[in-house]
PDB file of all heavy atoms in Angstrom:
ATOM      1  N   ALA A   1       0.813  -1.211   0.000  1.00  0.00           N
ATOM      2  CA  ALA A   1       0.000   0.000   0.000  1.00  0.00           C
ATOM      3  C   ALA A   1       0.853   1.269   0.000  1.00  0.00           C
ATOM      4  O   ALA A   1       0.599   2.204  -0.769  1.00  0.00           O
ATOM      5  CB  ALA A   1      -0.938  -0.011   1.206  1.00  0.00           C
ATOM      6  N   ASP A   2       1.874   1.318   0.840  1.00  0.00           N
ATOM      7  CA  ASP A   2       2.715   2.513   0.906  1.00  0.00           C
ATOM      8  C   ASP A   2       3.389   2.792  -0.432  1.00  0.00           C
ATOM      9  O   ASP A   2       3.455   3.945  -0.887  1.00  0.00           O
ATOM     10  CB  ASP A   2       3.780   2.360   1.998  1.00  0.00           C
ATOM     11  CG  ASP A   2       3.188   2.378   3.395  1.00  0.00           C
ATOM     12  OD1 ASP A   2       2.020   2.799   3.535  1.00  0.00           O
ATOM     13  OD2 ASP A   2       3.879   1.971   4.339  1.00  0.00           O
ATOM     14  N   ALA A   3       3.894   1.743  -1.081  1.00  0.00           N
ATOM     15  CA  ALA A   3       4.588   1.912  -2.362  1.00  0.00           C
ATOM     16  C   ALA A   3       3.632   2.375  -3.451  1.00  0.00           C
ATOM     17  O   ALA A   3       3.990   3.203  -4.294  1.00  0.00           O
ATOM     18  CB  ALA A   3       5.263   0.602  -2.773  1.00  0.00           C
ATOM     19  N   LEU A   4       2.404   1.858  -3.442  1.00  0.00           N
ATOM     20  CA  LEU A   4       1.451   2.241  -4.466  1.00  0.00           C
ATOM     21  C   LEU A   4       1.081   3.719  -4.355  1.00  0.00           C
ATOM     22  O   LEU A   4       0.981   4.424  -5.354  1.00  0.00           O
ATOM     23  CB  LEU A   4       0.202   1.374  -4.373  1.00  0.00           C
ATOM     24  CG  LEU A   4      -0.849   1.644  -5.446  1.00  0.00           C
ATOM     25  CD1 LEU A   4      -1.190   0.366  -6.197  1.00  0.00           C
ATOM     26  CD2 LEU A   4      -2.114   2.237  -4.855  1.00  0.00           C
ATOM     27  N   PHE A   5       0.884   4.209  -3.139  1.00  0.00           N
ATOM     28  CA  PHE A   5       0.549   5.616  -2.962  1.00  0.00           C
ATOM     29  C   PHE A   5       1.756   6.515  -3.219  1.00  0.00           C
ATOM     30  O   PHE A   5       1.602   7.638  -3.708  1.00  0.00           O
ATOM     31  CB  PHE A   5       0.005   5.858  -1.550  1.00  0.00           C
ATOM     32  CG  PHE A   5      -1.428   5.451  -1.391  1.00  0.00           C
ATOM     33  CD1 PHE A   5      -1.754   4.181  -0.945  1.00  0.00           C
ATOM     34  CD2 PHE A   5      -2.457   6.315  -1.707  1.00  0.00           C
ATOM     35  CE1 PHE A   5      -3.073   3.788  -0.811  1.00  0.00           C
ATOM     36  CE2 PHE A   5      -3.789   5.944  -1.575  1.00  0.00           C
ATOM     37  CZ  PHE A   5      -4.102   4.670  -1.119  1.00  0.00           C
ATOM     38  N   GLU A   6       2.930   6.029  -2.919  1.00  0.00           N
ATOM     39  CA  GLU A   6       4.139   6.802  -3.152  1.00  0.00           C
ATOM     40  C   GLU A   6       4.424   6.947  -4.640  1.00  0.00           C
ATOM     41  O   GLU A   6       4.772   8.027  -5.119  1.00  0.00           O
ATOM     42  CB  GLU A   6       5.324   6.119  -2.464  1.00  0.00           C
ATOM     43  CG  GLU A   6       6.671   6.800  -2.680  1.00  0.00           C
ATOM     44  CD  GLU A   6       6.795   8.118  -1.959  1.00  0.00           C
ATOM     45  OE1 GLU A   6       6.055   8.329  -0.961  1.00  0.00           O
ATOM     46  OE2 GLU A   6       7.621   8.948  -2.377  1.00  0.00           O
ATOM     47  N   GLN A   7       4.281   5.843  -5.386  1.00  0.00           N
ATOM     48  CA  GLN A   7       4.587   5.880  -6.818  1.00  0.00           C
ATOM     49  C   GLN A   7       3.736   4.853  -7.567  1.00  0.00           C
ATOM     50  O   GLN A   7       4.086   3.672  -7.623  1.00  0.00           O
ATOM     51  CB  GLN A   7       6.079   5.611  -7.055  1.00  0.00           C
ATOM     52  CG  GLN A   7       6.473   5.549  -8.525  1.00  0.00           C
ATOM     53  CD  GLN A   7       6.090   6.819  -9.271  1.00  0.00           C
ATOM     54  OE1 GLN A   7       6.463   7.911  -8.852  1.00  0.00           O
ATOM     55  NE2 GLN A   7       5.340   6.680 -10.359  1.00  0.00           N
ATOM     56  N   PRO A   8       2.614   5.255  -8.129  1.00  0.00           N
ATOM     57  CA  PRO A   8       1.814   4.333  -8.934  1.00  0.00           C
ATOM     58  C   PRO A   8       2.568   3.951 -10.197  1.00  0.00           C
ATOM     59  O   PRO A   8       3.283   4.769 -10.775  1.00  0.00           O
ATOM     60  CB  PRO A   8       0.558   5.147  -9.254  1.00  0.00           C
ATOM     61  CG  PRO A   8       0.991   6.572  -9.164  1.00  0.00           C
ATOM     62  CD  PRO A   8       2.034   6.620  -8.094  1.00  0.00           C
ATOM     63  N   GLU A   9       2.393   2.712 -10.650  1.00  0.00           N
ATOM     64  CA  GLU A   9       3.156   2.232 -11.808  1.00  0.00           C
ATOM     65  C   GLU A   9       2.280   1.799 -12.977  1.00  0.00           C
ATOM     66  O   GLU A   9       2.783   1.271 -13.959  1.00  0.00           O
ATOM     67  CB  GLU A   9       4.065   1.074 -11.388  1.00  0.00           C
ATOM     68  CG  GLU A   9       5.224   1.494 -10.494  1.00  0.00           C
ATOM     69  CD  GLU A   9       6.247   2.383 -11.204  1.00  0.00           C
ATOM     70  OE1 GLU A   9       6.098   2.625 -12.424  1.00  0.00           O
ATOM     71  OE2 GLU A   9       7.185   2.842 -10.537  1.00  0.00           O
ATOM     72  N   HIS A  10       0.974   2.002 -12.886  1.00  0.00           N
ATOM     73  CA  HIS A  10       0.094   1.767 -14.029  1.00  0.00           C
ATOM     74  C   HIS A  10      -0.712   3.042 -14.276  1.00  0.00           C
ATOM     75  O   HIS A  10      -1.154   3.693 -13.317  1.00  0.00           O
ATOM     76  CB  HIS A  10      -0.859   0.595 -13.762  1.00  0.00           C
ATOM     77  CG  HIS A  10      -1.586   0.137 -14.988  1.00  0.00           C
ATOM     78  ND1 HIS A  10      -2.720   0.767 -15.456  1.00  0.00           N
ATOM     79  CD2 HIS A  10      -1.333  -0.879 -15.861  1.00  0.00           C
ATOM     80  CE1 HIS A  10      -3.130   0.170 -16.567  1.00  0.00           C
ATOM     81  NE2 HIS A  10      -2.312  -0.835 -16.827  1.00  0.00           N
ATOM     82  N   PRO A  11      -0.907   3.444 -15.521  1.00  0.00           N
ATOM     83  CA  PRO A  11      -1.648   4.678 -15.800  1.00  0.00           C
ATOM     84  C   PRO A  11      -3.037   4.720 -15.170  1.00  0.00           C
ATOM     85  O   PRO A  11      -3.508   5.786 -14.769  1.00  0.00           O
ATOM     86  CB  PRO A  11      -1.734   4.703 -17.330  1.00  0.00           C
ATOM     87  CG  PRO A  11      -0.534   3.945 -17.780  1.00  0.00           C
ATOM     88  CD  PRO A  11      -0.342   2.851 -16.758  1.00  0.00           C
ATOM     89  N   TYR A  12      -3.694   3.559 -15.070  1.00  0.00           N
ATOM     90  CA  TYR A  12      -5.013   3.545 -14.429  1.00  0.00           C
ATOM     91  C   TYR A  12      -4.900   3.890 -12.947  1.00  0.00           C
ATOM     92  O   TYR A  12      -5.714   4.653 -12.413  1.00  0.00           O
ATOM     93  CB  TYR A  12      -5.660   2.180 -14.619  1.00  0.00           C
ATOM     94  CG  TYR A  12      -7.026   2.071 -13.982  1.00  0.00           C
ATOM     95  CD1 TYR A  12      -8.060   2.913 -14.374  1.00  0.00           C
ATOM     96  CD2 TYR A  12      -7.279   1.131 -12.989  1.00  0.00           C
ATOM     97  CE1 TYR A  12      -9.307   2.822 -13.787  1.00  0.00           C
ATOM     98  CE2 TYR A  12      -8.525   1.029 -12.411  1.00  0.00           C
ATOM     99  CZ  TYR A  12      -9.550   1.875 -12.817  1.00  0.00           C
ATOM    100  OH  TYR A  12     -10.795   1.782 -12.234  1.00  0.00           O
ATOM    101  N   THR A  13      -3.879   3.352 -12.286  1.00  0.00           N
ATOM    102  CA  THR A  13      -3.663   3.689 -10.875  1.00  0.00           C
ATOM    103  C   THR A  13      -3.352   5.176 -10.726  1.00  0.00           C
ATOM    104  O   THR A  13      -3.822   5.831  -9.781  1.00  0.00           O
ATOM    105  CB  THR A  13      -2.515   2.847 -10.289  1.00  0.00           C
ATOM    106  OG1 THR A  13      -2.692   1.483 -10.632  1.00  0.00           O
ATOM    107  CG2 THR A  13      -2.464   2.987  -8.774  1.00  0.00           C
ATOM    108  N   VAL A  14      -2.567   5.716 -11.639  1.00  0.00           N
ATOM    109  CA  VAL A  14      -2.283   7.157 -11.635  1.00  0.00           C
ATOM    110  C   VAL A  14      -3.590   7.942 -11.693  1.00  0.00           C
ATOM    111  O   VAL A  14      -3.793   8.916 -10.958  1.00  0.00           O
ATOM    112  CB  VAL A  14      -1.369   7.535 -12.821  1.00  0.00           C
ATOM    113  CG1 VAL A  14      -1.227   9.055 -12.940  1.00  0.00           C
ATOM    114  CG2 VAL A  14       0.009   6.906 -12.665  1.00  0.00           C
ATOM    115  N   GLY A  15      -4.496   7.524 -12.587  1.00  0.00           N
ATOM    116  CA  GLY A  15      -5.773   8.211 -12.708  1.00  0.00           C
ATOM    117  C   GLY A  15      -6.621   8.111 -11.458  1.00  0.00           C
ATOM    118  O   GLY A  15      -7.271   9.077 -11.048  1.00  0.00           O
ATOM    119  N   LEU A  16      -6.630   6.942 -10.814  1.00  0.00           N
ATOM    120  CA  LEU A  16      -7.389   6.780  -9.578  1.00  0.00           C
ATOM    121  C   LEU A  16      -6.861   7.710  -8.490  1.00  0.00           C
ATOM    122  O   LEU A  16      -7.636   8.361  -7.777  1.00  0.00           O
ATOM    123  CB  LEU A  16      -7.322   5.325  -9.098  1.00  0.00           C
ATOM    124  CG  LEU A  16      -8.066   4.275  -9.916  1.00  0.00           C
ATOM    125  CD1 LEU A  16      -7.864   2.895  -9.298  1.00  0.00           C
ATOM    126  CD2 LEU A  16      -9.550   4.594 -10.011  1.00  0.00           C
ATOM    127  N   LEU A  17      -5.542   7.779  -8.360  1.00  0.00           N
ATOM    128  CA  LEU A  17      -4.962   8.651  -7.346  1.00  0.00           C
ATOM    129  C   LEU A  17      -5.206  10.119  -7.676  1.00  0.00           C
ATOM    130  O   LEU A  17      -5.419  10.942  -6.786  1.00  0.00           O
ATOM    131  CB  LEU A  17      -3.463   8.378  -7.221  1.00  0.00           C
ATOM    132  CG  LEU A  17      -3.073   7.018  -6.648  1.00  0.00           C
ATOM    133  CD1 LEU A  17      -1.561   6.845  -6.657  1.00  0.00           C
ATOM    134  CD2 LEU A  17      -3.601   6.848  -5.240  1.00  0.00           C
ATOM    135  N   ALA A  18      -5.187  10.451  -8.963  1.00  0.00           N
ATOM    136  CA  ALA A  18      -5.412  11.841  -9.360  1.00  0.00           C
ATOM    137  C   ALA A  18      -6.828  12.296  -9.067  1.00  0.00           C
ATOM    138  O   ALA A  18      -7.083  13.500  -8.916  1.00  0.00           O
ATOM    139  CB  ALA A  18      -5.110  12.006 -10.853  1.00  0.00           C
ATOM    140  N   SER A  19      -7.765  11.349  -8.975  1.00  0.00           N
ATOM    141  CA  SER A  19      -9.164  11.711  -8.744  1.00  0.00           C
ATOM    142  C   SER A  19      -9.466  12.013  -7.280  1.00  0.00           C
ATOM    143  O   SER A  19     -10.580  12.447  -6.958  1.00  0.00           O
ATOM    144  CB  SER A  19     -10.076  10.581  -9.228  1.00  0.00           C
ATOM    145  OG  SER A  19      -9.929   9.425  -8.413  1.00  0.00           O
ATOM    146  N   ILE A  20      -8.501  11.795  -6.397  1.00  0.00           N
ATOM    147  CA  ILE A  20      -8.712  12.072  -4.972  1.00  0.00           C
ATOM    148  C   ILE A  20      -8.584  13.568  -4.726  1.00  0.00           C
ATOM    149  O   ILE A  20      -7.553  14.165  -5.046  1.00  0.00           O
ATOM    150  CB  ILE A  20      -7.684  11.322  -4.106  1.00  0.00           C
ATOM    151  CG1 ILE A  20      -7.792   9.811  -4.332  1.00  0.00           C
ATOM    152  CG2 ILE A  20      -7.893  11.647  -2.629  1.00  0.00           C
ATOM    153  CD1 ILE A  20      -6.720   9.032  -3.605  1.00  0.00           C
ATOM    154  N   PRO A  21      -9.601  14.231  -4.161  1.00  0.00           N
ATOM    155  CA  PRO A  21      -9.471  15.657  -3.829  1.00  0.00           C
ATOM    156  C   PRO A  21      -8.344  15.887  -2.830  1.00  0.00           C
ATOM    157  O   PRO A  21      -8.160  15.094  -1.897  1.00  0.00           O
ATOM    158  CB  PRO A  21     -10.833  15.995  -3.207  1.00  0.00           C
ATOM    159  CG  PRO A  21     -11.758  14.927  -3.653  1.00  0.00           C
ATOM    160  CD  PRO A  21     -10.913  13.694  -3.799  1.00  0.00           C
ATOM    161  N   ARG A  22      -7.584  16.989  -3.021  1.00  0.00           N
ATOM    162  CA  ARG A  22      -6.439  17.278  -2.161  1.00  0.00           C
ATOM    163  C   ARG A  22      -6.539  18.692  -1.618  1.00  0.00           C
ATOM    164  O   ARG A  22      -6.889  19.628  -2.330  1.00  0.00           O
ATOM    165  CB  ARG A  22      -5.148  17.121  -2.947  1.00  0.00           C
ATOM    166  CG  ARG A  22      -4.877  15.728  -3.442  1.00  0.00           C
ATOM    167  CD  ARG A  22      -3.684  15.703  -4.363  1.00  0.00           C
ATOM    168  NE  ARG A  22      -2.563  16.436  -3.790  1.00  0.00           N
ATOM    169  CZ  ARG A  22      -1.300  16.050  -3.857  1.00  0.00           C
ATOM    170  NH1 ARG A  22      -1.002  14.934  -4.467  1.00  0.00           N
ATOM    171  NH2 ARG A  22      -0.337  16.775  -3.338  1.00  0.00           N
ATOM    172  N   LEU A  23      -6.192  18.821  -0.338  1.00  0.00           N
ATOM    173  CA  LEU A  23      -6.250  20.125   0.297  1.00  0.00           C
ATOM    174  C   LEU A  23      -5.161  21.069  -0.213  1.00  0.00           C
ATOM    175  O   LEU A  23      -5.323  22.281  -0.194  1.00  0.00           O
ATOM    176  CB  LEU A  23      -6.121  19.969   1.816  1.00  0.00           C
ATOM    177  CG  LEU A  23      -7.263  19.225   2.511  1.00  0.00           C
ATOM    178  CD1 LEU A  23      -6.956  19.072   3.995  1.00  0.00           C
ATOM    179  CD2 LEU A  23      -8.595  19.940   2.319  1.00  0.00           C
ATOM    180  N   ASP A  24      -4.026  20.493  -0.689  1.00  0.00           N
ATOM    181  CA  ASP A  24      -2.919  21.337  -1.128  1.00  0.00           C
ATOM    182  C   ASP A  24      -2.989  21.636  -2.629  1.00  0.00           C
ATOM    183  O   ASP A  24      -2.051  22.180  -3.193  1.00  0.00           O
ATOM    184  CB  ASP A  24      -1.581  20.660  -0.807  1.00  0.00           C
ATOM    185  CG  ASP A  24      -1.398  19.341  -1.554  1.00  0.00           C
ATOM    186  OD1 ASP A  24      -2.415  18.817  -2.065  1.00  0.00           O
ATOM    187  OD2 ASP A  24      -0.262  18.854  -1.623  1.00  0.00           O
ATOM    188  N   GLN A  25      -4.097  21.314  -3.253  1.00  0.00           N
ATOM    189  CA  GLN A  25      -4.208  21.497  -4.700  1.00  0.00           C
ATOM    190  C   GLN A  25      -5.371  22.424  -5.015  1.00  0.00           C
ATOM    191  O   GLN A  25      -6.503  22.178  -4.630  1.00  0.00           O
ATOM    192  CB  GLN A  25      -4.431  20.137  -5.366  1.00  0.00           C
ATOM    193  CG  GLN A  25      -4.601  20.219  -6.859  1.00  0.00           C
ATOM    194  CD  GLN A  25      -4.914  18.861  -7.440  1.00  0.00           C
ATOM    195  OE1 GLN A  25      -4.652  17.846  -6.818  1.00  0.00           O
ATOM    196  NE2 GLN A  25      -5.474  18.849  -8.619  1.00  0.00           N
ATOM    197  N   ARG A  26      -5.083  23.494  -5.697  1.00  0.00           N
ATOM    198  CA  ARG A  26      -6.131  24.432  -6.092  1.00  0.00           C
ATOM    199  C   ARG A  26      -6.534  24.157  -7.536  1.00  0.00           C
ATOM    200  O   ARG A  26      -5.723  24.270  -8.447  1.00  0.00           O
ATOM    201  CB  ARG A  26      -5.626  25.877  -5.960  1.00  0.00           C
ATOM    202  CG  ARG A  26      -5.321  26.266  -4.522  1.00  0.00           C
ATOM    203  CD  ARG A  26      -4.881  27.714  -4.445  1.00  0.00           C
ATOM    204  NE  ARG A  26      -4.599  28.104  -3.068  1.00  0.00           N
ATOM    205  CZ  ARG A  26      -4.199  29.334  -2.722  1.00  0.00           C
ATOM    206  NH1 ARG A  26      -4.017  30.267  -3.647  1.00  0.00           N
ATOM    207  NH2 ARG A  26      -3.977  29.603  -1.462  1.00  0.00           N
ATOM    208  N   THR A  27      -7.778  23.817  -7.735  1.00  0.00           N
ATOM    209  CA  THR A  27      -8.280  23.533  -9.069  1.00  0.00           C
ATOM    210  C   THR A  27      -9.769  23.805  -9.100  1.00  0.00           C
ATOM    211  O   THR A  27     -10.446  23.725  -8.067  1.00  0.00           O
ATOM    212  CB  THR A  27      -8.000  22.072  -9.478  1.00  0.00           C
ATOM    213  OG1 THR A  27      -8.484  21.865 -10.801  1.00  0.00           O
ATOM    214  CG2 THR A  27      -8.656  21.098  -8.527  1.00  0.00           C
ATOM    215  N   ASP A  28     -10.279  24.164 -10.265  1.00  0.00           N
ATOM    216  CA  ASP A  28     -11.701  24.462 -10.369  1.00  0.00           C
ATOM    217  C   ASP A  28     -12.530  23.231 -10.708  1.00  0.00           C
ATOM    218  O   ASP A  28     -13.745  23.310 -10.835  1.00  0.00           O
ATOM    219  CB  ASP A  28     -11.944  25.558 -11.416  1.00  0.00           C
ATOM    220  CG  ASP A  28     -11.413  25.161 -12.793  1.00  0.00           C
ATOM    221  OD1 ASP A  28     -10.777  24.101 -12.882  1.00  0.00           O
ATOM    222  OD2 ASP A  28     -11.640  25.924 -13.752  1.00  0.00           O
ATOM    223  N   ARG A  29     -11.876  22.073 -10.864  1.00  0.00           N
ATOM    224  CA  ARG A  29     -12.618  20.848 -11.127  1.00  0.00           C
ATOM    225  C   ARG A  29     -11.822  19.645 -10.650  1.00  0.00           C
ATOM    226  O   ARG A  29     -10.589  19.693 -10.553  1.00  0.00           O
ATOM    227  CB  ARG A  29     -12.918  20.701 -12.613  1.00  0.00           C
ATOM    228  CG  ARG A  29     -11.694  20.450 -13.486  1.00  0.00           C
ATOM    229  CD  ARG A  29     -12.089  20.370 -14.951  1.00  0.00           C
ATOM    230  NE  ARG A  29     -10.937  20.095 -15.802  1.00  0.00           N
ATOM    231  CZ  ARG A  29     -10.523  18.883 -16.128  1.00  0.00           C
ATOM    232  NH1 ARG A  29     -11.151  17.828 -15.646  1.00  0.00           N
ATOM    233  NH2 ARG A  29      -9.473  18.706 -16.914  1.00  0.00           N
ATOM    234  N   LEU A  30     -12.547  18.576 -10.346  1.00  0.00           N
ATOM    235  CA  LEU A  30     -11.888  17.337  -9.955  1.00  0.00           C
ATOM    236  C   LEU A  30     -11.400  16.603 -11.201  1.00  0.00           C
ATOM    237  O   LEU A  30     -11.998  16.694 -12.274  1.00  0.00           O
ATOM    238  CB  LEU A  30     -12.860  16.445  -9.180  1.00  0.00           C
ATOM    239  CG  LEU A  30     -13.305  16.940  -7.806  1.00  0.00           C
ATOM    240  CD1 LEU A  30     -14.328  15.979  -7.225  1.00  0.00           C
ATOM    241  CD2 LEU A  30     -12.119  17.081  -6.871  1.00  0.00           C
ATOM    242  N   ALA A  31     -10.300  15.897 -11.055  1.00  0.00           N
ATOM    243  CA  ALA A  31      -9.764  15.117 -12.169  1.00  0.00           C
ATOM    244  C   ALA A  31     -10.681  13.931 -12.443  1.00  0.00           C
ATOM    245  O   ALA A  31     -11.320  13.386 -11.545  1.00  0.00           O
ATOM    246  CB  ALA A  31      -8.369  14.632 -11.847  1.00  0.00           C
ATOM    247  N   ALA A  32     -10.734  13.518 -13.689  1.00  0.00           N
ATOM    248  CA  ALA A  32     -11.539  12.366 -14.086  1.00  0.00           C
ATOM    249  C   ALA A  32     -10.805  11.589 -15.166  1.00  0.00           C
ATOM    250  O   ALA A  32      -9.993  12.150 -15.909  1.00  0.00           O
ATOM    251  CB  ALA A  32     -12.905  12.807 -14.604  1.00  0.00           C
ATOM    252  N   ILE A  33     -11.082  10.304 -15.224  1.00  0.00           N
ATOM    253  CA  ILE A  33     -10.539   9.465 -16.297  1.00  0.00           C
ATOM    254  C   ILE A  33     -11.596   9.421 -17.391  1.00  0.00           C
ATOM    255  O   ILE A  33     -12.664   8.820 -17.213  1.00  0.00           O
ATOM    256  CB  ILE A  33     -10.220   8.046 -15.788  1.00  0.00           C
ATOM    257  CG1 ILE A  33      -9.282   8.097 -14.588  1.00  0.00           C
ATOM    258  CG2 ILE A  33      -9.610   7.209 -16.897  1.00  0.00           C
ATOM    259  CD1 ILE A  33      -9.017   6.739 -13.949  1.00  0.00           C
ATOM    260  N   ASP A  34     -11.340  10.058 -18.497  1.00  0.00           N
ATOM    261  CA  ASP A  34     -12.308  10.097 -19.582  1.00  0.00           C
ATOM    262  C   ASP A  34     -12.541   8.704 -20.163  1.00  0.00           C
ATOM    263  O   ASP A  34     -11.653   7.849 -20.148  1.00  0.00           O
ATOM    264  CB  ASP A  34     -11.826  11.028 -20.699  1.00  0.00           C
ATOM    265  CG  ASP A  34     -11.787  12.486 -20.256  1.00  0.00           C
ATOM    266  OD1 ASP A  34     -12.577  12.839 -19.350  1.00  0.00           O
ATOM    267  OD2 ASP A  34     -10.978  13.260 -20.800  1.00  0.00           O
ATOM    268  N   GLY A  35     -13.744   8.500 -20.715  1.00  0.00           N
ATOM    269  CA  GLY A  35     -14.046   7.224 -21.340  1.00  0.00           C
ATOM    270  C   GLY A  35     -14.720   6.249 -20.393  1.00  0.00           C
ATOM    271  O   GLY A  35     -15.009   6.568 -19.241  1.00  0.00           O
ATOM    272  N   VAL A  36     -14.963   5.040 -20.887  1.00  0.00           N
ATOM    273  CA  VAL A  36     -15.656   4.012 -20.110  1.00  0.00           C
ATOM    274  C   VAL A  36     -14.908   2.686 -20.251  1.00  0.00           C
ATOM    275  O   VAL A  36     -14.019   2.531 -21.098  1.00  0.00           O
ATOM    276  CB  VAL A  36     -17.116   3.834 -20.584  1.00  0.00           C
ATOM    277  CG1 VAL A  36     -17.919   5.084 -20.332  1.00  0.00           C
ATOM    278  CG2 VAL A  36     -17.162   3.451 -22.064  1.00  0.00           C
ATOM    279  N   LEU A  37     -15.287   1.724 -19.429  1.00  0.00           N
ATOM    280  CA  LEU A  37     -14.716   0.386 -19.535  1.00  0.00           C
ATOM    281  C   LEU A  37     -15.010  -0.212 -20.909  1.00  0.00           C
ATOM    282  O   LEU A  37     -16.061   0.062 -21.499  1.00  0.00           O
ATOM    283  CB  LEU A  37     -15.306  -0.516 -18.453  1.00  0.00           C
ATOM    284  CG  LEU A  37     -14.859  -0.288 -17.012  1.00  0.00           C
ATOM    285  CD1 LEU A  37     -15.836  -0.944 -16.057  1.00  0.00           C
ATOM    286  CD2 LEU A  37     -13.464  -0.820 -16.798  1.00  0.00           C
ATOM    287  N   PRO A  38     -14.126  -1.037 -21.431  1.00  0.00           N
ATOM    288  CA  PRO A  38     -14.384  -1.669 -22.726  1.00  0.00           C
ATOM    289  C   PRO A  38     -15.529  -2.671 -22.639  1.00  0.00           C
ATOM    290  O   PRO A  38     -15.862  -3.178 -21.566  1.00  0.00           O
ATOM    291  CB  PRO A  38     -13.060  -2.360 -23.049  1.00  0.00           C
ATOM    292  CG  PRO A  38     -12.418  -2.601 -21.729  1.00  0.00           C
ATOM    293  CD  PRO A  38     -12.815  -1.437 -20.874  1.00  0.00           C
ATOM    294  N   ASP A  39     -16.130  -2.968 -23.790  1.00  0.00           N
ATOM    295  CA  ASP A  39     -17.200  -3.951 -23.878  1.00  0.00           C
ATOM    296  C   ASP A  39     -16.603  -5.345 -23.687  1.00  0.00           C
ATOM    297  O   ASP A  39     -15.825  -5.824 -24.509  1.00  0.00           O
ATOM    298  CB  ASP A  39     -17.872  -3.848 -25.248  1.00  0.00           C
ATOM    299  CG  ASP A  39     -19.029  -4.828 -25.406  1.00  0.00           C
ATOM    300  OD1 ASP A  39     -19.312  -5.579 -24.450  1.00  0.00           O
ATOM    301  OD2 ASP A  39     -19.641  -4.822 -26.488  1.00  0.00           O
ATOM    302  N   MET A  40     -16.980  -6.004 -22.579  1.00  0.00           N
ATOM    303  CA  MET A  40     -16.373  -7.286 -22.262  1.00  0.00           C
ATOM    304  C   MET A  40     -16.977  -8.446 -23.052  1.00  0.00           C
ATOM    305  O   MET A  40     -16.523  -9.577 -22.929  1.00  0.00           O
ATOM    306  CB  MET A  40     -16.464  -7.559 -20.762  1.00  0.00           C
ATOM    307  CG  MET A  40     -15.621  -6.597 -19.930  1.00  0.00           C
ATOM    308  SD  MET A  40     -13.891  -6.550 -20.456  1.00  0.00           S
ATOM    309  CE  MET A  40     -13.350  -8.172 -19.988  1.00  0.00           C
TER     310      MET A  40
END
């Protein structure tokens, strides 16, 4: 867990972490991963 939060190594994990609201980050919108899951 500590390593994953320190340095994500898959782009999807990067996107999940980027979507977490942060007190030290000023932005007018929350980050989102555009698109949807593929048709399985």
